[in-house]
Amino acid sequence: MDFKKNEKTTRRKFVIGVAGAAVYCTCFPLDRLAASEKDKFNESKSKEYLVAACGTYCGACPAYIAQHSEEEQIKLKQQKISSSEPKKLQKGIPPSNWMDGLLCDGCLSGGMLAAHCQNCAIRKCAANKQNNSRCSDCKELPCYRITNLINMGGYLHRTEYLPNLEKIRKMGVQKWIKYEEKRWRCPRCGLPVSWYDTECIKCGEPRSKDLFPLI
């Protein structure tokens, strides 16, 4: 009698165990999926500091790339610059050494900033007036601060400031980050490219047609 009772108890425990395992296996992938989606959300949100006050994407800035790229990428860049012949300056394109030695963590990172970013009147104004520290929602846009910067040197990447701010307002910061991050990568190998790279420093792929042309 005791043997049969124990056998029933063992069988019951086995059935409960199997059912529990089935429920766990069913829910576990959902939990992992939910965690994965949460990680993606946090990852995109954590990169909001790359959306500068003026509307530029800091991820394509030479000072940011120099600070956050792998050592191999920086070495390739330096070799490329040192081995290239001097080129005649083109209108709208700064000298190739215009940001040599500058390191930056991004406009709104709260970390290391290049000297010109530390003293940027646009960044300071937006920090005092806008909840998100950007000009995208400013009623005074375009103000003299941002138009003066756009005209200073006539550099091509600055012509994107106002269009970018409009896109940020319409798309939202997180969608815009993903859009820009994809845009500023090599079409072939995915390496980040800077504003004035004519080709990928790693694989030599020509500059993406989605970027502003270097004329």
C-alpha atoms as a PDB file:
ATOM      1  CA  MET A   1       0.000   0.000   0.000  1.00  0.00           C
ATOM      2  CA  ASP A   2       2.783   2.336   0.925  1.00  0.00           C
ATOM      3  CA  PHE A   3       4.588   1.416  -2.276  1.00  0.00           C
ATOM      4  CA  LYS A   4       1.576   2.353  -4.411  1.00  0.00           C
ATOM      5  CA  LYS A   5       1.128   5.565  -2.465  1.00  0.00           C
ATOM      6  CA  ASN A   6       4.762   6.514  -3.008  1.00  0.00           C
ATOM      7  CA  GLU A   7       4.474   5.622  -6.679  1.00  0.00           C
ATOM      8  CA  LYS A   8       1.461   7.955  -7.081  1.00  0.00           C
ATOM      9  CA  THR A   9       3.280  10.727  -5.207  1.00  0.00           C
ATOM     10  CA  THR A  10       6.365  10.335  -7.417  1.00  0.00           C
ATOM     11  CA  ARG A  11       4.266  10.327 -10.562  1.00  0.00           C
ATOM     12  CA  ARG A  12       2.440  13.464  -9.426  1.00  0.00           C
ATOM     13  CA  LYS A  13       5.695  15.267  -8.723  1.00  0.00           C
ATOM     14  CA  PHE A  14       6.969  14.238 -12.140  1.00  0.00           C
ATOM     15  CA  VAL A  15       3.862  15.612 -13.913  1.00  0.00           C
ATOM     16  CA  ILE A  16       4.062  18.884 -11.960  1.00  0.00           C
ATOM     17  CA  GLY A  17       7.750  19.150 -12.747  1.00  0.00           C
ATOM     18  CA  VAL A  18       7.184  18.628 -16.472  1.00  0.00           C
ATOM     19  CA  ALA A  19       4.361  21.161 -16.510  1.00  0.00           C
ATOM     20  CA  GLY A  20       6.509  23.676 -14.654  1.00  0.00           C
ATOM     21  CA  ALA A  21       9.362  23.184 -17.078  1.00  0.00           C
ATOM     22  CA  ALA A  22       7.021  23.668 -20.026  1.00  0.00           C
ATOM     23  CA  VAL A  23       5.733  26.919 -18.583  1.00  0.00           C
ATOM     24  CA  TYR A  24       9.293  28.090 -17.906  1.00  0.00           C
ATOM     25  CA  CYS A  25      10.429  27.228 -21.419  1.00  0.00           C
ATOM     26  CA  THR A  26       7.443  29.067 -22.850  1.00  0.00           C
ATOM     27  CA  CYS A  27       7.958  32.182 -20.781  1.00  0.00           C
ATOM     28  CA  PHE A  28      11.757  32.285 -20.832  1.00  0.00           C
ATOM     29  CA  PRO A  29      12.105  33.228 -24.508  1.00  0.00           C
ATOM     30  CA  LEU A  30       9.480  35.932 -24.014  1.00  0.00           C
ATOM     31  CA  ASP A  31      11.420  37.258 -21.039  1.00  0.00           C
ATOM     32  CA  ARG A  32      14.618  37.250 -23.059  1.00  0.00           C
ATOM     33  CA  LEU A  33      12.867  38.953 -25.964  1.00  0.00           C
ATOM     34  CA  ALA A  34      11.476  41.611 -23.655  1.00  0.00           C
ATOM     35  CA  ALA A  35      14.929  42.115 -22.118  1.00  0.00           C
ATOM     36  CA  SER A  36      16.467  42.345 -25.579  1.00  0.00           C
ATOM     37  CA  GLU A  37      13.985  44.992 -26.674  1.00  0.00           C
ATOM     38  CA  LYS A  38      14.637  46.873 -23.443  1.00  0.00           C
ATOM     39  CA  ASP A  39      18.381  46.757 -24.083  1.00  0.00           C
ATOM     40  CA  LYS A  40      17.869  48.137 -27.591  1.00  0.00           C
ATOM     41  CA  PHE A  41      15.734  50.951 -26.193  1.00  0.00           C
ATOM     42  CA  ASN A  42      18.312  51.794 -23.526  1.00  0.00           C
ATOM     43  CA  GLU A  43      21.118  51.630 -26.087  1.00  0.00           C
ATOM     44  CA  SER A  44      19.433  54.136 -28.387  1.00  0.00           C
ATOM     45  CA  LYS A  45      18.447  56.312 -25.447  1.00  0.00           C
ATOM     46  CA  SER A  46      21.986  56.241 -24.070  1.00  0.00           C
ATOM     47  CA  LYS A  47      23.279  57.747 -27.330  1.00  0.00           C
ATOM     48  CA  GLU A  48      21.141  60.876 -27.083  1.00  0.00           C
ATOM     49  CA  TYR A  49      24.255  62.792 -26.046  1.00  0.00           C
ATOM     50  CA  LEU A  50      25.466  62.438 -29.663  1.00  0.00           C
ATOM     51  CA  VAL A  51      22.666  64.747 -30.809  1.00  0.00           C
ATOM     52  CA  ALA A  52      24.327  68.120 -30.378  1.00  0.00           C
ATOM     53  CA  ALA A  53      22.492  71.292 -29.386  1.00  0.00           C
ATOM     54  CA  CYS A  54      23.035  72.754 -32.860  1.00  0.00           C
ATOM     55  CA  GLY A  55      21.683  69.640 -34.600  1.00  0.00           C
ATOM     56  CA  THR A  56      24.889  67.989 -35.681  1.00  0.00           C
ATOM     57  CA  TYR A  57      25.554  64.270 -35.190  1.00  0.00           C
ATOM     58  CA  CYS A  58      28.599  64.055 -32.910  1.00  0.00           C
ATOM     59  CA  GLY A  59      29.247  60.458 -33.959  1.00  0.00           C
ATOM     60  CA  ALA A  60      30.690  61.733 -37.258  1.00  0.00           C
ATOM     61  CA  CYS A  61      32.908  64.376 -35.662  1.00  0.00           C
ATOM     62  CA  PRO A  62      36.662  63.665 -36.036  1.00  0.00           C
ATOM     63  CA  ALA A  63      37.235  64.587 -32.374  1.00  0.00           C
ATOM     64  CA  TYR A  64      34.631  62.067 -31.210  1.00  0.00           C
ATOM     65  CA  ILE A  65      35.897  59.324 -33.532  1.00  0.00           C
ATOM     66  CA  ALA A  66      39.463  59.905 -32.323  1.00  0.00           C
ATOM     67  CA  GLN A  67      38.295  59.521 -28.732  1.00  0.00           C
ATOM     68  CA  HIS A  68      36.075  56.471 -29.155  1.00  0.00           C
ATOM     69  CA  SER A  69      37.430  54.471 -32.096  1.00  0.00           C
ATOM     70  CA  GLU A  70      39.537  51.363 -31.879  1.00  0.00           C
ATOM     71  CA  GLU A  71      43.285  52.022 -31.885  1.00  0.00           C
ATOM     72  CA  GLU A  72      43.607  50.362 -35.304  1.00  0.00           C
ATOM     73  CA  GLN A  73      41.158  52.820 -36.852  1.00  0.00           C
ATOM     74  CA  ILE A  74      43.039  55.842 -35.483  1.00  0.00           C
ATOM     75  CA  LYS A  75      46.332  54.379 -36.723  1.00  0.00           C
ATOM     76  CA  LEU A  76      44.887  53.859 -40.201  1.00  0.00           C
ATOM     77  CA  LYS A  77      43.622  57.434 -40.234  1.00  0.00           C
ATOM     78  CA  GLN A  78      47.006  58.832 -39.215  1.00  0.00           C
ATOM     79  CA  GLN A  79      48.803  56.742 -41.826  1.00  0.00           C
ATOM     80  CA  LYS A  80      46.391  57.907 -44.501  1.00  0.00           C
ATOM     81  CA  ILE A  81      46.907  61.584 -43.651  1.00  0.00           C
ATOM     82  CA  SER A  82      50.707  61.329 -43.397  1.00  0.00           C
ATOM     83  CA  SER A  83      51.067  59.435 -46.682  1.00  0.00           C
ATOM     84  CA  SER A  84      48.723  61.633 -48.724  1.00  0.00           C
ATOM     85  CA  GLU A  85      50.016  64.504 -50.789  1.00  0.00           C
ATOM     86  CA  PRO A  86      49.032  68.068 -49.826  1.00  0.00           C
ATOM     87  CA  LYS A  87      45.793  69.037 -51.505  1.00  0.00           C
ATOM     88  CA  LYS A  88      44.549  72.425 -52.523  1.00  0.00           C
ATOM     89  CA  LEU A  89      41.901  73.643 -50.131  1.00  0.00           C
ATOM     90  CA  GLN A  90      38.371  73.411 -51.482  1.00  0.00           C
ATOM     91  CA  LYS A  91      35.586  75.792 -50.650  1.00  0.00           C
ATOM     92  CA  GLY A  92      33.497  74.490 -47.778  1.00  0.00           C
ATOM     93  CA  ILE A  93      36.064  71.867 -46.731  1.00  0.00           C
ATOM     94  CA  PRO A  94      38.396  72.542 -43.777  1.00  0.00           C
ATOM     95  CA  PRO A  95      42.112  71.596 -43.800  1.00  0.00           C
ATOM     96  CA  SER A  96      42.744  67.898 -43.133  1.00  0.00           C
ATOM     97  CA  ASN A  97      44.451  68.725 -39.820  1.00  0.00           C
ATOM     98  CA  TRP A  98      41.694  71.044 -38.545  1.00  0.00           C
ATOM     99  CA  MET A  99      40.886  68.782 -35.581  1.00  0.00           C
ATOM    100  CA  ASP A 100      44.235  67.114 -34.985  1.00  0.00           C
ATOM    101  CA  GLY A 101      44.793  66.474 -31.290  1.00  0.00           C
ATOM    102  CA  LEU A 102      41.189  67.189 -30.284  1.00  0.00           C
ATOM    103  CA  LEU A 103      39.231  64.589 -28.308  1.00  0.00           C
ATOM    104  CA  CYS A 104      35.537  64.784 -27.402  1.00  0.00           C
ATOM    105  CA  ASP A 105      32.864  62.612 -25.776  1.00  0.00           C
ATOM    106  CA  GLY A 106      29.941  64.365 -27.465  1.00  0.00           C
ATOM    107  CA  CYS A 107      28.148  67.690 -27.014  1.00  0.00           C
ATOM    108  CA  LEU A 108      25.711  66.604 -24.290  1.00  0.00           C
ATOM    109  CA  SER A 109      27.729  63.745 -22.777  1.00  0.00           C
ATOM    110  CA  GLY A 110      28.784  65.587 -19.649  1.00  0.00           C
ATOM    111  CA  GLY A 111      32.279  64.245 -20.314  1.00  0.00           C
ATOM    112  CA  MET A 112      35.322  65.566 -22.137  1.00  0.00           C
ATOM    113  CA  LEU A 113      34.570  68.288 -24.667  1.00  0.00           C
ATOM    114  CA  ALA A 114      36.754  69.779 -27.367  1.00  0.00           C
ATOM    115  CA  ALA A 115      37.652  73.406 -26.602  1.00  0.00           C
ATOM    116  CA  HIS A 116      35.305  74.861 -29.228  1.00  0.00           C
ATOM    117  CA  CYS A 117      32.432  72.780 -27.818  1.00  0.00           C
ATOM    118  CA  GLN A 118      33.142  73.876 -24.248  1.00  0.00           C
ATOM    119  CA  ASN A 119      32.818  77.522 -25.255  1.00  0.00           C
ATOM    120  CA  CYS A 120      29.953  77.059 -27.721  1.00  0.00           C
ATOM    121  CA  ALA A 121      27.359  79.809 -27.240  1.00  0.00           C
ATOM    122  CA  ILE A 122      24.692  77.617 -28.853  1.00  0.00           C
ATOM    123  CA  ARG A 123      25.239  74.775 -26.385  1.00  0.00           C
ATOM    124  CA  LYS A 124      25.159  77.133 -23.399  1.00  0.00           C
ATOM    125  CA  CYS A 125      22.035  78.933 -24.616  1.00  0.00           C
ATOM    126  CA  ALA A 126      20.127  75.697 -25.278  1.00  0.00           C
ATOM    127  CA  ALA A 127      21.128  74.297 -21.874  1.00  0.00           C
ATOM    128  CA  ASN A 128      19.588  77.346 -20.184  1.00  0.00           C
ATOM    129  CA  LYS A 129      16.418  77.606 -22.294  1.00  0.00           C
ATOM    130  CA  GLN A 130      15.452  74.138 -23.544  1.00  0.00           C
ATOM    131  CA  ASN A 131      14.383  71.104 -21.525  1.00  0.00           C
ATOM    132  CA  ASN A 132      16.337  68.774 -23.808  1.00  0.00           C
ATOM    133  CA  SER A 133      19.309  71.179 -24.142  1.00  0.00           C
ATOM    134  CA  ARG A 134      18.839  71.364 -27.928  1.00  0.00           C
ATOM    135  CA  CYS A 135      17.689  74.037 -30.339  1.00  0.00           C
ATOM    136  CA  SER A 136      15.145  71.765 -32.042  1.00  0.00           C
ATOM    137  CA  ASP A 137      12.211  73.110 -30.004  1.00  0.00           C
ATOM    138  CA  CYS A 138      13.389  76.694 -29.701  1.00  0.00           C
ATOM    139  CA  LYS A 139      10.887  79.332 -30.831  1.00  0.00           C
ATOM    140  CA  GLU A 140      13.715  81.735 -31.733  1.00  0.00           C
ATOM    141  CA  LEU A 141      15.198  79.341 -34.301  1.00  0.00           C
ATOM    142  CA  PRO A 142      17.052  80.253 -36.416  1.00  0.00           C
ATOM    143  CA  CYS A 143      18.765  82.772 -34.148  1.00  0.00           C
ATOM    144  CA  TYR A 144      21.924  84.764 -34.792  1.00  0.00           C
ATOM    145  CA  ARG A 145      24.013  82.282 -32.791  1.00  0.00           C
ATOM    146  CA  ILE A 146      23.347  79.349 -35.077  1.00  0.00           C
ATOM    147  CA  THR A 147      23.346  81.349 -38.321  1.00  0.00           C
ATOM    148  CA  ASN A 148      26.706  82.885 -37.370  1.00  0.00           C
ATOM    149  CA  LEU A 149      28.167  79.416 -36.808  1.00  0.00           C
ATOM    150  CA  ILE A 150      26.766  78.104 -40.087  1.00  0.00           C
ATOM    151  CA  ASN A 151      28.390  80.993 -41.958  1.00  0.00           C
ATOM    152  CA  MET A 152      31.684  80.743 -40.082  1.00  0.00           C
ATOM    153  CA  GLY A 153      34.124  79.182 -42.520  1.00  0.00           C
ATOM    154  CA  GLY A 154      31.280  78.074 -44.768  1.00  0.00           C
ATOM    155  CA  TYR A 155      31.963  74.427 -43.920  1.00  0.00           C
ATOM    156  CA  LEU A 156      29.652  71.936 -45.594  1.00  0.00           C
ATOM    157  CA  HIS A 157      28.742  69.948 -42.484  1.00  0.00           C
ATOM    158  CA  ARG A 158      27.266  73.083 -40.931  1.00  0.00           C
ATOM    159  CA  THR A 159      24.731  73.415 -43.725  1.00  0.00           C
ATOM    160  CA  GLU A 160      23.010  70.388 -42.171  1.00  0.00           C
ATOM    161  CA  TYR A 161      22.350  72.079 -38.823  1.00  0.00           C
ATOM    162  CA  LEU A 162      18.935  73.578 -39.586  1.00  0.00           C
ATOM    163  CA  PRO A 163      17.646  70.611 -41.668  1.00  0.00           C
ATOM    164  CA  ASN A 164      18.807  68.270 -38.894  1.00  0.00           C
ATOM    165  CA  LEU A 165      16.984  70.238 -36.204  1.00  0.00           C
ATOM    166  CA  GLU A 166      13.813  70.022 -38.285  1.00  0.00           C
ATOM    167  CA  LYS A 167      14.226  66.246 -38.626  1.00  0.00           C
ATOM    168  CA  ILE A 168      14.873  65.868 -34.883  1.00  0.00           C
ATOM    169  CA  ARG A 169      11.657  67.752 -34.146  1.00  0.00           C
ATOM    170  CA  LYS A 170       9.647  65.558 -36.530  1.00  0.00           C
ATOM    171  CA  MET A 171      11.319  62.161 -35.992  1.00  0.00           C
ATOM    172  CA  GLY A 172      12.210  62.393 -32.332  1.00  0.00           C
ATOM    173  CA  VAL A 173      15.711  62.079 -30.920  1.00  0.00           C
ATOM    174  CA  GLN A 174      15.959  58.278 -30.751  1.00  0.00           C
ATOM    175  CA  LYS A 175      14.816  57.625 -34.328  1.00  0.00           C
ATOM    176  CA  TRP A 176      17.096  60.353 -35.594  1.00  0.00           C
ATOM    177  CA  ILE A 177      20.099  58.830 -33.803  1.00  0.00           C
ATOM    178  CA  LYS A 178      19.539  55.462 -35.486  1.00  0.00           C
ATOM    179  CA  TYR A 179      19.095  57.180 -38.846  1.00  0.00           C
ATOM    180  CA  GLU A 180      22.320  59.178 -38.509  1.00  0.00           C
ATOM    181  CA  GLU A 181      24.335  56.295 -37.089  1.00  0.00           C
ATOM    182  CA  LYS A 182      23.492  54.193 -40.138  1.00  0.00           C
ATOM    183  CA  ARG A 183      24.103  57.089 -42.520  1.00  0.00           C
ATOM    184  CA  TRP A 184      27.580  57.800 -41.179  1.00  0.00           C
ATOM    185  CA  ARG A 185      28.942  54.285 -41.587  1.00  0.00           C
ATOM    186  CA  CYS A 186      30.843  52.698 -44.436  1.00  0.00           C
ATOM    187  CA  PRO A 187      28.359  50.979 -46.795  1.00  0.00           C
ATOM    188  CA  ARG A 188      30.702  47.980 -47.072  1.00  0.00           C
ATOM    189  CA  CYS A 189      32.394  47.305 -43.707  1.00  0.00           C
ATOM    190  CA  GLY A 190      30.310  49.445 -41.344  1.00  0.00           C
ATOM    191  CA  LEU A 191      33.217  51.477 -39.948  1.00  0.00           C
ATOM    192  CA  PRO A 192      32.223  54.986 -38.770  1.00  0.00           C
ATOM    193  CA  VAL A 193      33.221  57.766 -41.159  1.00  0.00           C
ATOM    194  CA  SER A 194      33.724  61.434 -40.371  1.00  0.00           C
ATOM    195  CA  TRP A 195      32.252  64.471 -42.075  1.00  0.00           C
ATOM    196  CA  TYR A 196      35.023  64.906 -44.641  1.00  0.00           C
ATOM    197  CA  ASP A 197      36.230  61.369 -45.287  1.00  0.00           C
ATOM    198  CA  THR A 198      36.156  60.773 -49.030  1.00  0.00           C
ATOM    199  CA  GLU A 199      36.361  57.005 -48.496  1.00  0.00           C
ATOM    200  CA  CYS A 200      36.475  54.424 -45.725  1.00  0.00           C
ATOM    201  CA  ILE A 201      39.921  54.425 -44.090  1.00  0.00           C
ATOM    202  CA  LYS A 202      39.728  50.674 -43.605  1.00  0.00           C
ATOM    203  CA  CYS A 203      38.370  49.147 -46.815  1.00  0.00           C
ATOM    204  CA  GLY A 204      38.553  52.093 -49.243  1.00  0.00           C
ATOM    205  CA  GLU A 205      34.836  52.080 -50.064  1.00  0.00           C
ATOM    206  CA  PRO A 206      33.802  55.472 -51.520  1.00  0.00           C
ATOM    207  CA  ARG A 207      31.793  57.846 -49.373  1.00  0.00           C
ATOM    208  CA  SER A 208      28.098  56.973 -49.158  1.00  0.00           C
ATOM    209  CA  LYS A 209      25.766  58.851 -51.481  1.00  0.00           C
ATOM    210  CA  ASP A 210      23.489  59.443 -48.490  1.00  0.00           C
ATOM    211  CA  LEU A 211      26.045  61.948 -47.156  1.00  0.00           C
ATOM    212  CA  PHE A 212      26.500  65.512 -48.349  1.00  0.00           C
ATOM    213  CA  PRO A 213      28.768  65.615 -51.440  1.00  0.00           C
ATOM    214  CA  LEU A 214      32.278  66.956 -51.119  1.00  0.00           C
ATOM    215  CA  ILE A 215      32.482  69.534 -53.890  1.00  0.00           C
END
